[in-house]
């Protein structure tokens, strides 16, 4: 929550669904929770992705490393 509240950029190492790992610079916008059948299952970060130049959704458990960009 602190990153989007403070308008900060982060560099993340992200493991995509196919197993490929990428480094991305993102600016978090909000946290999104998704559930199935009324049960909490996954947490996502909605963020602007500077690699793709658009808003993207990143599954939190696939983020392997986070570093604040100073």
N, C-alpha and C. Protein backbone atom coordinates (compact mmCIF):
# COMPACT_ATOMS: atom_id res chain seq x y z
N UNK A 1 0.81 -1.20 0.00
CA UNK A 1 0.00 0.00 0.00
C UNK A 1 0.85 1.26 0.00
N UNK A 2 1.99 1.22 0.71
CA UNK A 2 2.82 2.42 0.84
C UNK A 2 3.31 2.94 -0.51
N UNK A 3 3.57 2.05 -1.47
CA UNK A 3 4.13 2.49 -2.76
C UNK A 3 3.15 3.35 -3.54
N UNK A 4 1.90 2.94 -3.64
CA UNK A 4 0.97 3.76 -4.41
C UNK A 4 0.47 4.95 -3.62
N UNK A 5 0.47 4.86 -2.31
CA UNK A 5 0.09 6.01 -1.50
C UNK A 5 1.14 7.12 -1.60
N UNK A 6 2.41 6.73 -1.76
CA UNK A 6 3.50 7.69 -1.84
C UNK A 6 3.95 7.96 -3.27
N UNK A 7 3.23 7.40 -4.24
CA UNK A 7 3.52 7.64 -5.65
C UNK A 7 4.94 7.23 -6.02
N UNK A 8 5.38 6.06 -5.54
CA UNK A 8 6.74 5.60 -5.75
C UNK A 8 6.81 4.53 -6.85
N UNK A 9 7.96 4.49 -7.51
CA UNK A 9 8.22 3.47 -8.52
C UNK A 9 8.99 2.32 -7.88
N UNK A 10 8.72 1.12 -8.39
CA UNK A 10 9.39 -0.08 -7.91
C UNK A 10 9.97 -0.85 -9.08
N UNK A 11 11.09 -1.53 -8.83
CA UNK A 11 11.59 -2.49 -9.80
C UNK A 11 11.26 -3.87 -9.25
N UNK A 12 10.56 -4.66 -10.04
CA UNK A 12 10.18 -6.00 -9.59
C UNK A 12 10.79 -7.06 -10.50
N UNK A 13 11.06 -8.20 -9.92
CA UNK A 13 11.38 -9.40 -10.69
C UNK A 13 10.12 -10.23 -10.64
N UNK A 14 9.56 -10.51 -11.83
CA UNK A 14 8.23 -11.12 -11.92
C UNK A 14 8.31 -12.42 -12.71
N UNK A 15 7.73 -13.47 -12.15
CA UNK A 15 7.67 -14.76 -12.83
C UNK A 15 6.32 -14.89 -13.51
N UNK A 16 6.35 -14.90 -14.84
CA UNK A 16 5.12 -15.00 -15.61
C UNK A 16 4.53 -16.41 -15.51
N UNK A 17 3.27 -16.57 -15.94
CA UNK A 17 2.58 -17.86 -15.83
C UNK A 17 3.30 -18.99 -16.56
N UNK A 18 4.09 -18.63 -17.61
CA UNK A 18 4.81 -19.66 -18.38
C UNK A 18 6.18 -19.98 -17.79
N UNK A 19 6.51 -19.36 -16.65
CA UNK A 19 7.78 -19.63 -15.98
C UNK A 19 8.88 -18.64 -16.31
N UNK A 20 8.69 -17.83 -17.34
CA UNK A 20 9.68 -16.83 -17.72
C UNK A 20 9.75 -15.73 -16.66
N UNK A 21 10.97 -15.28 -16.36
CA UNK A 21 11.17 -14.22 -15.37
C UNK A 21 11.58 -12.94 -16.09
N UNK A 22 10.94 -11.82 -15.70
CA UNK A 22 11.26 -10.52 -16.29
C UNK A 22 11.46 -9.50 -15.18
N UNK A 23 12.24 -8.47 -15.48
CA UNK A 23 12.39 -7.32 -14.58
C UNK A 23 11.55 -6.20 -15.14
N UNK A 24 10.80 -5.54 -14.27
CA UNK A 24 9.92 -4.47 -14.70
C UNK A 24 9.99 -3.31 -13.73
N UNK A 25 9.81 -2.12 -14.25
CA UNK A 25 9.63 -0.95 -13.41
C UNK A 25 8.15 -0.63 -13.44
N UNK A 26 7.57 -0.56 -12.25
CA UNK A 26 6.13 -0.31 -12.14
C UNK A 26 5.86 0.83 -11.18
N UNK A 27 4.70 1.43 -11.33
CA UNK A 27 4.19 2.40 -10.36
C UNK A 27 2.84 1.88 -9.89
N UNK A 28 2.81 1.30 -8.68
CA UNK A 28 1.56 0.71 -8.18
C UNK A 28 0.43 1.73 -8.08
N UNK A 29 -0.77 1.27 -8.43
CA UNK A 29 -1.96 2.11 -8.38
C UNK A 29 -2.92 1.66 -7.30
N UNK A 30 -3.08 0.34 -7.16
CA UNK A 30 -3.98 -0.20 -6.14
C UNK A 30 -3.73 -1.68 -5.96
N UNK A 31 -4.31 -2.21 -4.89
CA UNK A 31 -4.28 -3.64 -4.63
C UNK A 31 -5.65 -4.19 -4.96
N UNK A 32 -5.67 -5.33 -5.63
CA UNK A 32 -6.93 -5.96 -6.04
C UNK A 32 -6.96 -7.37 -5.46
N UNK A 33 -8.09 -7.74 -4.90
CA UNK A 33 -8.27 -9.10 -4.38
C UNK A 33 -9.28 -9.82 -5.24
N UNK A 34 -8.96 -11.04 -5.60
CA UNK A 34 -9.91 -11.84 -6.38
C UNK A 34 -10.29 -13.07 -5.56
N UNK A 35 -11.53 -13.44 -5.68
CA UNK A 35 -11.97 -14.63 -4.96
C UNK A 35 -12.73 -15.55 -5.90
N UNK A 36 -12.79 -16.77 -5.49
CA UNK A 36 -13.55 -17.78 -6.23
C UNK A 36 -14.52 -18.42 -5.25
N UNK A 37 -15.78 -18.44 -5.62
CA UNK A 37 -16.83 -19.03 -4.79
C UNK A 37 -16.87 -18.42 -3.40
N UNK A 38 -16.64 -17.10 -3.32
CA UNK A 38 -16.75 -16.40 -2.05
C UNK A 38 -15.56 -16.53 -1.13
N UNK A 39 -14.50 -17.18 -1.58
CA UNK A 39 -13.31 -17.33 -0.73
C UNK A 39 -12.16 -16.53 -1.32
N UNK A 40 -11.43 -15.82 -0.45
CA UNK A 40 -10.25 -15.08 -0.87
C UNK A 40 -9.21 -16.06 -1.43
N UNK A 41 -8.71 -15.78 -2.62
CA UNK A 41 -7.73 -16.69 -3.19
C UNK A 41 -6.42 -16.01 -3.59
N UNK A 42 -6.49 -14.85 -4.24
CA UNK A 42 -5.27 -14.25 -4.75
C UNK A 42 -5.29 -12.73 -4.61
N UNK A 43 -4.10 -12.18 -4.43
CA UNK A 43 -3.93 -10.74 -4.35
C UNK A 43 -3.14 -10.27 -5.57
N UNK A 44 -3.59 -9.18 -6.16
CA UNK A 44 -2.95 -8.63 -7.35
C UNK A 44 -2.59 -7.17 -7.09
N UNK A 45 -1.60 -6.68 -7.82
CA UNK A 45 -1.24 -5.27 -7.79
C UNK A 45 -1.56 -4.70 -9.16
N UNK A 46 -2.41 -3.69 -9.18
CA UNK A 46 -2.70 -2.95 -10.41
C UNK A 46 -1.65 -1.85 -10.48
N UNK A 47 -0.91 -1.78 -11.60
CA UNK A 47 0.19 -0.83 -11.69
C UNK A 47 0.40 -0.37 -13.12
N UNK A 48 1.03 0.78 -13.25
CA UNK A 48 1.49 1.22 -14.56
C UNK A 48 2.83 0.54 -14.80
N UNK A 49 2.97 -0.17 -15.91
CA UNK A 49 4.19 -0.89 -16.27
C UNK A 49 4.95 -0.07 -17.31
N UNK A 50 6.17 0.33 -16.96
CA UNK A 50 6.97 1.14 -17.88
C UNK A 50 7.56 0.32 -19.03
N UNK A 51 7.61 -0.99 -18.89
CA UNK A 51 8.06 -1.86 -19.99
C UNK A 51 7.01 -1.91 -21.09
N UNK A 52 5.75 -2.07 -20.71
CA UNK A 52 4.66 -2.18 -21.68
C UNK A 52 3.96 -0.85 -21.95
N UNK A 53 4.26 0.17 -21.16
CA UNK A 53 3.66 1.50 -21.30
C UNK A 53 2.13 1.45 -21.21
N UNK A 54 1.66 0.69 -20.21
CA UNK A 54 0.22 0.60 -19.97
C UNK A 54 -0.03 0.04 -18.58
N UNK A 55 -1.27 0.16 -18.13
CA UNK A 55 -1.64 -0.44 -16.85
C UNK A 55 -1.68 -1.95 -16.99
N UNK A 56 -1.10 -2.63 -15.99
CA UNK A 56 -1.07 -4.09 -15.97
C UNK A 56 -1.44 -4.57 -14.58
N UNK A 57 -1.80 -5.84 -14.49
CA UNK A 57 -2.12 -6.46 -13.22
C UNK A 57 -1.09 -7.55 -12.96
N UNK A 58 -0.48 -7.52 -11.77
CA UNK A 58 0.56 -8.48 -11.40
C UNK A 58 0.11 -9.27 -10.19
N UNK A 59 0.17 -10.59 -10.31
CA UNK A 59 -0.20 -11.45 -9.19
C UNK A 59 0.90 -11.37 -8.13
N UNK A 60 0.52 -11.04 -6.92
CA UNK A 60 1.50 -10.77 -5.87
C UNK A 60 2.43 -11.95 -5.60
N UNK A 61 1.91 -13.16 -5.62
CA UNK A 61 2.76 -14.31 -5.30
C UNK A 61 3.74 -14.65 -6.42
N UNK A 62 3.65 -13.98 -7.56
CA UNK A 62 4.61 -14.19 -8.65
C UNK A 62 5.73 -13.15 -8.64
N UNK A 63 5.62 -12.18 -7.75
CA UNK A 63 6.69 -11.18 -7.62
C UNK A 63 7.76 -11.78 -6.73
N UNK A 64 8.95 -11.98 -7.28
CA UNK A 64 10.02 -12.66 -6.56
C UNK A 64 10.94 -11.70 -5.83
N UNK A 65 10.99 -10.45 -6.29
CA UNK A 65 11.83 -9.45 -5.63
C UNK A 65 11.25 -8.07 -5.90
N UNK A 66 11.33 -7.21 -4.91
CA UNK A 66 10.84 -5.82 -5.04
C UNK A 66 11.93 -4.90 -4.52
N UNK A 67 12.24 -3.86 -5.31
CA UNK A 67 13.18 -2.84 -4.87
C UNK A 67 12.58 -1.47 -5.15
N UNK A 68 12.67 -0.61 -4.17
CA UNK A 68 12.19 0.76 -4.33
C UNK A 68 13.22 1.53 -5.16
N UNK A 69 12.75 2.30 -6.15
CA UNK A 69 13.64 3.12 -6.96
C UNK A 69 13.73 4.49 -6.29
N UNK A 70 14.95 4.87 -6.00
CA UNK A 70 15.17 6.15 -5.29
C UNK A 70 15.41 7.26 -6.28
